[in-house]
Structure formats: C-alpha cells, structure tokens
Protein backbone atom coordinates (compact mmCIF):
# COMPACT_ATOMS: atom_id res chain seq x y z
CA UNK A 1 9.69 22.40 47.22
CA UNK A 2 11.69 24.51 44.78
CA UNK A 3 9.77 25.77 41.80
CA UNK A 4 6.37 25.69 43.50
CA UNK A 5 3.93 28.45 42.63
CA UNK A 6 1.32 29.71 45.08
CA UNK A 7 -1.73 31.35 43.57
CA UNK A 8 -3.64 34.26 45.12
CA UNK A 9 -6.12 31.75 46.49
CA UNK A 10 -3.34 29.95 48.33
CA UNK A 11 -3.29 26.96 45.98
CA UNK A 12 0.11 25.36 45.46
CA UNK A 13 0.86 24.41 41.85
CA UNK A 14 3.68 22.22 40.58
CA UNK A 15 5.81 23.62 37.70
CA UNK A 16 4.66 20.82 35.37
CA UNK A 17 1.04 21.60 36.09
CA UNK A 18 1.62 25.25 35.20
CA UNK A 19 3.21 24.22 31.89
CA UNK A 20 0.29 21.92 31.14
CA UNK A 21 -2.14 24.68 32.08
CA UNK A 22 -0.41 27.13 29.78
CA UNK A 23 -0.43 24.63 26.91
CA UNK A 24 -4.09 23.87 27.44
CA UNK A 25 -4.93 27.55 27.67
CA UNK A 26 -3.18 28.29 24.39
CA UNK A 27 -5.02 25.44 22.66
CA UNK A 28 -8.35 26.64 24.05
CA UNK A 29 -7.67 30.19 22.90
CA UNK A 30 -6.76 28.95 19.44
CA UNK A 31 -9.97 26.92 19.18
CA UNK A 32 -12.04 29.85 20.40
CA UNK A 33 -10.42 32.15 17.84
CA UNK A 34 -11.12 29.80 14.94
CA UNK A 35 -14.67 29.17 16.16
CA UNK A 36 -15.34 32.90 16.29
CA UNK A 37 -13.97 33.35 12.77
CA UNK A 38 -16.10 30.51 11.40
CA UNK A 39 -19.22 31.91 13.07
CA UNK A 40 -18.51 35.38 11.68
CA UNK A 41 -17.92 33.99 8.19
CA UNK A 42 -21.23 32.14 8.21
CA UNK A 43 -23.05 35.15 9.61
CA UNK A 44 -21.74 37.32 6.78
CA UNK A 45 -21.36 34.99 3.75
CA UNK A 46 -19.45 36.13 0.70
CA UNK A 47 -21.01 37.19 -2.58
CA UNK A 48 -19.51 35.02 -5.32
CA UNK A 49 -20.52 37.48 -8.04
CA UNK A 50 -19.02 40.45 -6.24
CA UNK A 51 -15.81 38.54 -5.45
CA UNK A 52 -15.32 37.48 -9.08
CA UNK A 53 -15.99 41.00 -10.33
CA UNK A 54 -13.56 42.57 -7.85
CA UNK A 55 -10.82 40.07 -8.70
CA UNK A 56 -11.18 40.85 -12.40
CA UNK A 57 -11.20 44.59 -11.74
CA UNK A 58 -8.04 44.56 -9.59
CA UNK A 59 -6.14 42.20 -11.91
CA UNK A 60 -6.66 44.56 -14.85
CA UNK A 61 -6.45 47.82 -12.91
CA UNK A 62 -3.55 48.94 -15.11
CA UNK A 63 -0.83 47.46 -17.31
CA UNK A 64 1.57 46.96 -14.40
CA UNK A 65 -1.04 45.16 -12.30
CA UNK A 66 -1.84 42.84 -15.20
CA UNK A 67 1.85 42.03 -15.73
CA UNK A 68 2.28 41.10 -12.07
CA UNK A 69 -0.59 38.59 -12.31
CA UNK A 70 1.31 36.31 -14.74
CA UNK A 71 4.38 34.14 -14.40
CA UNK A 72 6.11 31.72 -16.75
CA UNK A 73 8.64 28.92 -16.29
CA UNK A 74 10.18 26.23 -18.51
CA UNK A 75 8.43 22.89 -18.63
CA UNK A 76 8.49 20.26 -21.36
CA UNK A 77 11.06 22.09 -23.43
CA UNK A 78 9.24 25.41 -23.55
CA UNK A 79 7.92 28.05 -21.12
CA UNK A 80 4.38 27.75 -19.83
CA UNK A 81 2.33 30.49 -18.21
CA UNK A 82 0.23 30.57 -15.08
CA UNK A 83 -1.23 32.83 -12.38
CA UNK A 84 1.36 34.41 -10.10
CA UNK A 85 1.49 34.97 -6.35
CA UNK A 86 0.21 38.52 -6.89
CA UNK A 87 -2.98 37.24 -8.51
CA UNK A 88 -3.31 34.68 -5.71
CA UNK A 89 -3.11 37.49 -3.14
CA UNK A 90 -5.88 39.37 -4.93
CA UNK A 91 -7.98 36.19 -5.01
CA UNK A 92 -7.54 35.54 -1.28
CA UNK A 93 -8.38 39.12 -0.34
CA UNK A 94 -11.50 39.39 -2.47
CA UNK A 95 -12.76 35.85 -1.84
CA UNK A 96 -12.84 36.66 1.86
CA UNK A 97 -13.70 34.56 4.90
CA UNK A 98 -10.45 32.59 4.79
CA UNK A 99 -7.16 32.11 6.61
CA UNK A 100 -3.77 31.58 4.94
CA UNK A 101 -0.63 30.51 6.78
CA UNK A 102 2.85 29.78 5.42
CA UNK A 103 6.00 28.46 7.06
CA UNK A 104 9.30 26.75 6.30
CA UNK A 105 9.08 23.27 7.83
CA UNK A 106 12.50 21.88 6.96
CA UNK A 107 15.98 23.00 5.97
CA UNK A 108 17.90 19.88 5.00
CA UNK A 109 21.53 20.85 4.55
CA UNK A 110 22.51 17.24 3.93
CA UNK A 111 20.14 16.73 0.99
CA UNK A 112 20.46 20.44 0.14
CA UNK A 113 16.74 21.15 -0.03
CA UNK A 114 14.36 23.46 1.78
CA UNK A 115 10.68 22.63 2.29
CA UNK A 116 7.89 25.19 2.74
CA UNK A 117 4.27 24.55 3.59
CA UNK A 118 1.16 26.70 3.17
CA UNK A 119 -2.40 26.13 4.39
CA UNK A 120 -5.54 27.78 3.01
CA UNK A 121 -8.65 27.45 5.19
CA UNK A 122 -12.04 28.53 3.85
CA UNK A 123 -13.89 29.51 7.03
CA UNK A 124 -17.27 29.62 5.32
CA UNK A 125 -17.18 26.07 3.93
CA UNK A 126 -14.67 24.73 6.50
CA UNK A 127 -12.56 23.32 3.64
CA UNK A 128 -8.77 23.39 3.98
CA UNK A 129 -5.96 22.88 1.46
CA UNK A 130 -2.28 22.30 2.24
CA UNK A 131 0.51 22.81 -0.31
CA UNK A 132 4.15 21.75 0.10
CA UNK A 133 7.05 23.01 -2.03
CA UNK A 134 10.67 21.82 -2.14
CA UNK A 135 13.49 23.96 -3.51
CA UNK A 136 17.19 23.25 -3.94
CA UNK A 137 19.65 25.20 -1.78
CA UNK A 138 22.71 24.37 -3.87
CA UNK A 139 24.34 26.04 -6.84
CA UNK A 140 25.14 24.53 -10.25
CA UNK A 141 28.27 22.91 -8.83
CA UNK A 142 26.27 21.27 -6.05
CA UNK A 143 27.72 23.50 -3.33
CA UNK A 144 25.49 24.54 -0.43
CA UNK A 145 24.27 28.13 -0.59
CA UNK A 146 25.21 30.61 2.11
CA UNK A 147 22.77 31.47 4.91
CA UNK A 148 21.43 34.61 3.24
CA UNK A 149 20.64 32.77 0.00
CA UNK A 150 19.01 29.95 1.95
CA UNK A 151 16.70 32.53 3.52
CA UNK A 152 15.92 33.98 0.09
CA UNK A 153 15.22 30.49 -1.28
CA UNK A 154 12.98 29.77 1.71
CA UNK A 155 10.99 32.93 1.04
CA UNK A 156 10.60 31.94 -2.62
CA UNK A 157 9.43 28.44 -1.66
CA UNK A 158 6.96 29.93 0.84
CA UNK A 159 5.62 32.28 -1.83
CA UNK A 160 5.08 29.41 -4.26
CA UNK A 161 3.42 27.27 -1.59
CA UNK A 162 1.13 30.16 -0.63
CA UNK A 163 0.12 30.68 -4.26
CA UNK A 164 -0.56 26.98 -4.80
CA UNK A 165 -2.66 26.70 -1.63
CA UNK A 166 -4.80 29.75 -2.42
CA UNK A 167 -5.45 28.84 -6.04
CA UNK A 168 -6.30 25.27 -5.05
CA UNK A 169 -8.64 26.42 -2.27
CA UNK A 170 -10.59 28.93 -4.35
CA UNK A 171 -12.56 27.50 -7.29
CA UNK A 172 -10.81 28.16 -10.60
CA UNK A 173 -13.98 29.53 -12.14
CA UNK A 174 -13.74 32.48 -9.76
CA UNK A 175 -10.33 33.72 -10.93
CA UNK A 176 -9.92 32.16 -14.41
CA UNK A 177 -11.53 35.07 -16.26
CA UNK A 178 -9.39 37.56 -14.35
CA UNK A 179 -6.25 35.70 -15.37
CA UNK A 180 -7.32 35.58 -19.02
CA UNK A 181 -8.19 39.29 -18.92
CA UNK A 182 -4.75 40.08 -17.48
CA UNK A 183 -3.14 38.09 -20.30
CA UNK A 184 -5.14 40.12 -22.81
CA UNK A 185 -3.96 43.40 -21.30
CA UNK A 186 -0.34 42.24 -21.32
CA UNK A 187 -0.54 40.92 -24.88
CA UNK A 188 -1.67 44.24 -26.32
CA UNK A 189 -2.22 44.47 -30.09
CA UNK A 190 -0.24 44.63 -33.31
CA UNK A 191 0.36 48.36 -32.87
CA UNK A 192 2.18 47.84 -29.57
CA UNK A 193 3.94 44.56 -30.47
CA UNK A 194 7.29 46.04 -31.54
CA UNK A 195 7.42 48.33 -28.52
CA UNK A 196 6.54 45.57 -26.04
CA UNK A 197 8.99 42.99 -27.31
CA UNK A 198 11.81 45.55 -27.47
CA UNK A 199 10.98 46.67 -23.95
CA UNK A 200 10.93 43.08 -22.70
CA UNK A 201 14.32 42.28 -24.22
CA UNK A 202 15.74 45.47 -22.71
CA UNK A 203 14.30 44.61 -19.28
CA UNK A 204 15.93 41.18 -19.30
CA UNK A 205 19.19 42.85 -20.26
CA UNK A 206 19.36 44.47 -16.81
CA UNK A 207 19.91 40.94 -15.43
CA UNK A 208 22.56 40.11 -18.01
CA UNK A 209 20.27 37.98 -20.19
CA UNK A 210 21.28 38.13 -23.85
CA UNK A 211 18.67 38.34 -26.64
CA UNK A 212 19.88 35.00 -28.03
CA UNK A 213 19.08 33.34 -24.69
CA UNK A 214 15.56 34.76 -24.81
CA UNK A 215 15.07 33.53 -28.37
CA UNK A 216 16.26 30.04 -27.38
CA UNK A 217 13.87 29.94 -24.41
CA UNK A 218 10.94 30.95 -26.64
CA UNK A 219 11.95 28.62 -29.46
CA UNK A 220 12.33 31.38 -32.05
CA UNK A 221 15.24 32.40 -34.26
CA UNK A 222 15.13 36.17 -33.87
CA UNK A 223 13.23 39.16 -32.53
CA UNK A 224 11.01 39.39 -35.60
CA UNK A 225 9.56 35.95 -34.83
CA UNK A 226 8.30 37.04 -31.40
CA UNK A 227 4.53 37.35 -31.84
CA UNK A 228 1.68 38.58 -29.67
CA UNK A 229 1.38 35.09 -28.17
CA UNK A 230 4.96 35.30 -26.89
CA UNK A 231 4.53 38.62 -25.07
CA UNK A 232 2.64 37.24 -22.02
CA UNK A 233 5.28 34.50 -21.73
CA UNK A 234 8.08 37.07 -21.78
CA UNK A 235 6.34 39.22 -19.19
CA UNK A 236 5.56 36.14 -17.10
CA UNK A 237 9.19 35.02 -17.08
CA UNK A 238 10.27 38.50 -16.04
CA UNK A 239 7.73 38.60 -13.20
CA UNK A 240 8.71 35.10 -12.04
CA UNK A 241 12.28 36.32 -11.57
CA UNK A 242 11.14 39.59 -10.01
CA UNK A 243 8.89 37.83 -7.48
CA UNK A 244 11.61 35.34 -6.55
CA UNK A 245 9.68 32.33 -7.86
CA UNK A 246 12.41 31.61 -10.44
CA UNK A 247 15.96 32.75 -11.11
CA UNK A 248 17.86 33.81 -14.20
CA UNK A 249 19.82 30.57 -13.89
CA UNK A 250 16.73 28.35 -13.84
CA UNK A 251 15.06 30.10 -16.78
CA UNK A 252 18.03 30.68 -19.05
CA UNK A 253 21.42 29.37 -17.90
CA UNK A 254 20.16 25.83 -17.40
CA UNK A 255 18.04 25.93 -20.53
CA UNK A 256 18.86 25.07 -24.13
CA UNK A 257 22.14 26.55 -25.41
CA UNK A 258 23.40 29.84 -24.11
CA UNK A 259 23.98 32.76 -26.42
CA UNK A 260 26.97 32.02 -28.59
CA UNK A 261 27.62 28.73 -26.81
CA UNK A 262 29.68 26.40 -28.95
CA UNK A 263 29.93 22.69 -28.40
CA UNK A 264 33.29 21.01 -28.78
CA UNK A 265 33.52 18.83 -31.84
CA UNK A 266 34.18 15.27 -30.74
CA UNK A 267 36.00 12.66 -32.77
CA UNK A 268 33.06 10.28 -32.54
CA UNK A 269 29.63 11.89 -31.97
CA UNK A 270 28.00 8.47 -31.57
CA UNK A 271 30.25 7.42 -28.70
CA UNK A 272 28.84 8.51 -25.33
CA UNK A 273 32.20 8.01 -23.68
CA UNK A 274 33.96 10.60 -25.85
CA UNK A 275 33.36 13.95 -24.20
CA UNK A 276 36.69 15.58 -24.90
CA UNK A 277 37.28 17.98 -27.74
CA UNK A 278 38.84 16.48 -30.80
CA UNK A 279 42.32 17.43 -32.07
CA UNK A 280 42.60 21.00 -33.26
CA UNK A 281 43.52 21.65 -36.89
CA UNK A 282 46.94 23.26 -37.12
CA UNK A 283 47.43 26.53 -38.96
CA UNK A 284 47.93 26.03 -42.67
CA UNK A 285 46.83 22.40 -42.55
CA UNK A 286 43.68 20.58 -43.48
CA UNK A 287 42.56 17.28 -42.04
CA UNK A 288 40.82 14.56 -44.00
CA UNK A 289 39.94 11.20 -42.52
CA UNK A 290 39.34 7.94 -44.31
CA UNK A 291 37.37 5.90 -41.76
CA UNK A 292 37.40 2.85 -44.01
CA UNK A 293 41.17 2.48 -43.64
CA UNK A 294 41.83 4.45 -40.44
CA UNK A 295 44.32 6.79 -42.17
CA UNK A 296 44.83 10.50 -41.67
CA UNK A 297 46.32 12.69 -44.38
CA UNK A 298 48.15 16.01 -43.95
CA UNK A 299 48.59 18.36 -46.92
CA UNK A 300 51.38 20.27 -45.16
CA UNK A 301 53.72 17.30 -45.18
CA UNK A 302 53.96 13.56 -45.38
CA UNK A 303 54.99 11.01 -42.86
CA UNK A 304 52.58 12.30 -40.19
CA UNK A 305 50.58 9.38 -38.88
CA UNK A 306 47.71 9.12 -36.43
CA UNK A 307 46.24 6.23 -34.55
CA UNK A 308 43.18 5.02 -36.46
CA UNK A 309 39.83 5.61 -34.76
CA UNK A 310 38.20 2.18 -34.59
CA UNK A 311 35.48 3.11 -32.11
CA UNK A 312 33.12 4.61 -34.66
CA UNK A 313 30.21 2.18 -35.21
CA UNK A 314 28.95 4.12 -38.23
CA UNK A 315 31.89 4.75 -40.57
CA UNK A 316 29.65 6.19 -43.25
CA UNK A 317 28.53 8.89 -40.81
CA UNK A 318 32.11 9.84 -39.98
CA UNK A 319 32.96 9.96 -43.67
CA UNK A 320 30.05 12.26 -44.35
CA UNK A 321 31.14 14.51 -41.49
CA UNK A 322 34.65 14.84 -42.92
CA UNK A 323 33.47 16.07 -46.32
CA UNK A 324 33.70 19.84 -46.17
CA UNK A 325 33.82 19.95 -42.35
CA UNK A 326 36.68 22.28 -41.49
CA UNK A 327 35.27 23.73 -38.28
CA UNK A 328 36.67 23.36 -34.79
CA UNK A 329 33.29 24.00 -33.13
CA UNK A 330 29.78 22.80 -33.88
CA UNK A 331 27.03 25.20 -32.87
CA UNK A 332 23.81 23.54 -31.77
CA UNK A 333 20.56 25.20 -32.81
CA UNK A 334 18.10 24.81 -29.89
CA UNK A 335 15.19 25.66 -32.19
CA UNK A 336 15.95 22.69 -34.47
CA UNK A 337 13.30 19.90 -34.43
CA UNK A 338 15.99 17.32 -33.64
CA UNK A 339 17.01 19.27 -30.53
CA UNK A 340 13.37 19.53 -29.43
CA UNK A 341 12.90 15.80 -30.00
CA UNK A 342 16.04 15.03 -28.01
CA UNK A 343 14.93 17.30 -25.19
CA UNK A 344 11.53 15.60 -24.99
CA UNK A 345 13.15 12.16 -25.09
CA UNK A 346 15.55 13.12 -22.30
CA UNK A 347 12.80 14.66 -20.21
CA UNK A 348 10.69 11.53 -20.62
CA UNK A 349 13.62 9.24 -19.86
CA UNK A 350 13.43 7.59 -23.29
CA UNK A 351 16.45 5.56 -24.34
CA UNK A 352 18.38 6.38 -27.47
CA UNK A 353 16.23 4.63 -30.05
CA UNK A 354 16.77 6.77 -33.10
CA UNK A 355 16.00 6.39 -36.74
CA UNK A 356 18.81 5.43 -39.07
CA UNK A 357 18.34 8.77 -40.82
CA UNK A 358 19.45 10.72 -37.73
CA UNK A 359 22.20 8.25 -36.86
CA UNK A 360 23.65 8.57 -40.36
CA UNK A 361 23.95 12.37 -40.03
CA UNK A 362 26.48 13.37 -37.33
CA UNK A 363 25.24 16.97 -37.27
CA UNK A 364 21.65 15.90 -36.65
CA UNK A 365 22.75 13.34 -34.08
CA UNK A 366 24.84 15.94 -32.24
CA UNK A 367 21.81 18.25 -32.17
CA UNK A 368 19.57 15.47 -30.84
CA UNK A 369 22.18 14.47 -28.28
CA UNK A 370 22.51 18.04 -26.96
CA UNK A 371 18.74 18.22 -26.54
CA UNK A 372 18.67 14.80 -24.85
CA UNK A 373 21.34 15.87 -22.39
CA UNK A 374 19.53 19.11 -21.49
CA UNK A 375 16.19 17.30 -21.24
CA UNK A 376 17.66 14.70 -18.91
CA UNK A 377 19.16 17.43 -16.72
CA UNK A 378 15.80 19.22 -16.60
CA UNK A 379 14.02 16.00 -15.60
CA UNK A 380 16.50 15.29 -12.81
CA UNK A 381 16.20 18.86 -11.54
CA UNK A 382 12.39 18.77 -11.54
CA UNK A 383 12.36 15.43 -9.73
CA UNK A 384 14.67 16.86 -7.08
CA UNK A 385 12.43 19.88 -6.60
CA UNK A 386 9.16 17.88 -6.65
C-alpha cells in the first residue's frame, strides 16, 4: 500500500499511525519538560526577600531605568499611571521559577480588531494566569490598517498582555515598592522640576506633540502649573508611546481639544441636530439677533432679511449669546470644570440632564457639550478595545 512505512524491525506502519505517534510523542515531551521544570523549581525554591530586593534595585538602577518602569494613559478624563512592560520583565526575571508565553490568537479584519493572549505559569506554586488584550486595527476614519501596522499593533497587544499576565501572577506586594521607588526617582525634587518638565515637553515635540496638547492632557493651563506630581505622568506617557503600548493619536489627538483647535459657532448650541457652522459675519457688518421676534438687523444696510430661527428652545440663552458676541469661532477650554463634567457624563453614558444655570449660558453649554462628545467617544473606544 502506498504511504506505508517499514521500521528497522520490519514493522509496517500506516501513515495515520505515524501522525498519531508523532502527536503523542510531542505531547509526552511537552509534559516531561514541564514536569522537569516544576521539579527543579521545587528543589530550588525562590527567596521572596531576595527577589523583592533585586526588583527594587534594578528598577532604580539609574534615571533611565526608572523612567522605563512607568507608563501612563488617559482614563476617566485624565491620565493615570501604572507599571510598564519593562518593570514586568524585571519582575518575571527576578521572581524566577516561572514560564511566560505570548501569542496573537486572532486577527479579525471584519471587526477590525486583533487579539493577543499571554500566560504566566508559576512553576513553584503551579498557579497560572492568562491575560487577553484586544486592540483596534483601524485608523480614525475606520479604515483597516496595512499589514505592517497590523503586525506592529499585534506586537503592542502582545506586550500589554504579557505585562498584565506577569503582574497578575506575581503578588503586588513583591513589586509595589519598586514601582513607588521608580516614581520617586522620576519625580525628582524642586531643584530639578523646571529642567524635567522642559525636557519632557521637548521630548514630546519630536513626535509633533504641541505644548498645548500636553497641557490639555494634564488638565493644566500652562507650563508653570506642571508640578512634581505631573512629572511621572509625563514620563509615563512618553514611555507608553516609546514601548508601543499607546500612540500619539490615542494619548493626544483623540483627547480633549487639540492645540489651537477652534469649534465652529453654531446657530443653536442647544440643538443636537445643528452641527454646521453658522453664517459668517461679512466684512464691515455686525450681526445682532432678536430671538423674541426672529429678526436680524444689518448696520451696513436695510432691507436685508433672514429666516427667523424658531428652533431655539431657550430664547433667553440665544439673546445672552448675541450681546457682545462678535466672534466666528468659540474656543473650548478643556480644563474648564464644565468640560470635565461633560466628559465624565459622556464616559459614564449619562443623558443630558443639566442644571438650568448651564442651559441658560450658551458658552458653558458648548463647553459641557464638547466634553460630553469627547467622553462618549472615549467610552466607545474603550468598550471596543475591552
């Protein structure tokens, strides 16, 4: 029969039997390998004290090492900090007696997501942890990324999954002090504050990030308001981009308002359906609206008429907006409390239940609405990546 295999002993084996034998042999070898590793781990148990000390020592070896142990990303309207993949690698190496494996398990081009999985196995305690991470493989316009960028995104997802698995598998008490010590090194003191914040802003500039974007992400007005507490966050955001865990787009472009970004002034800020820019004011003319009568006056000449705007449910608000408002653009301040409130409402999925005080002030409502829109977008993005 074709495909038969005759062994040296003269035994005739069917092709299927050989395949089954190979599969069984591989499984047996894998079990034997893991068994040997577990036996070795239990024969030479780790020293918890030594592991914790070594982790702390390596995390604070120098300023650069400490910076690489921190990452930051936007959550809940402001950046939060955490241990990075570099600290997780130190933890896994010094904790010892463990196995870590990472792989991409799915590339869904239809849903435009990539899924990575990591497993941390403590050979000494025989405890295992699995972490799964989903990342989008589409750009801001929803278009599928090219193959190279999909590979890069897969590597980033694998790195995040690896970090999550390691830090979940090793008790937090082992590496918490090392992380706090690294934050202390990065933070510095008052003497180095000006130098560190200037250096951080300059470093972000190499990626095209403007100072105003950094201020908006930190929730401050200017460079002078960046304190010692902000320095680890700045460094963490930089390292997150450098390690591939985040992108400039996710940290800044999709955040609050971009540097110098102006929002078109709409004819009715309380009408969700009105997203187009209002009529521009002609040169040499001023526009004054009387919402009570729906009339529009023009100081450059008479006889010009406009269709009255009857969609405004709060005429008093429109009247207040017309008094002294001769601007074509309204700039939203992302550090304003109304923006922060809107962002939190949007992120939580809260409906537009506002106080009459905000509704009566078009400027405040526009600020809240901008925050609500960005918060809703952030919530949708996080749900897609969860």
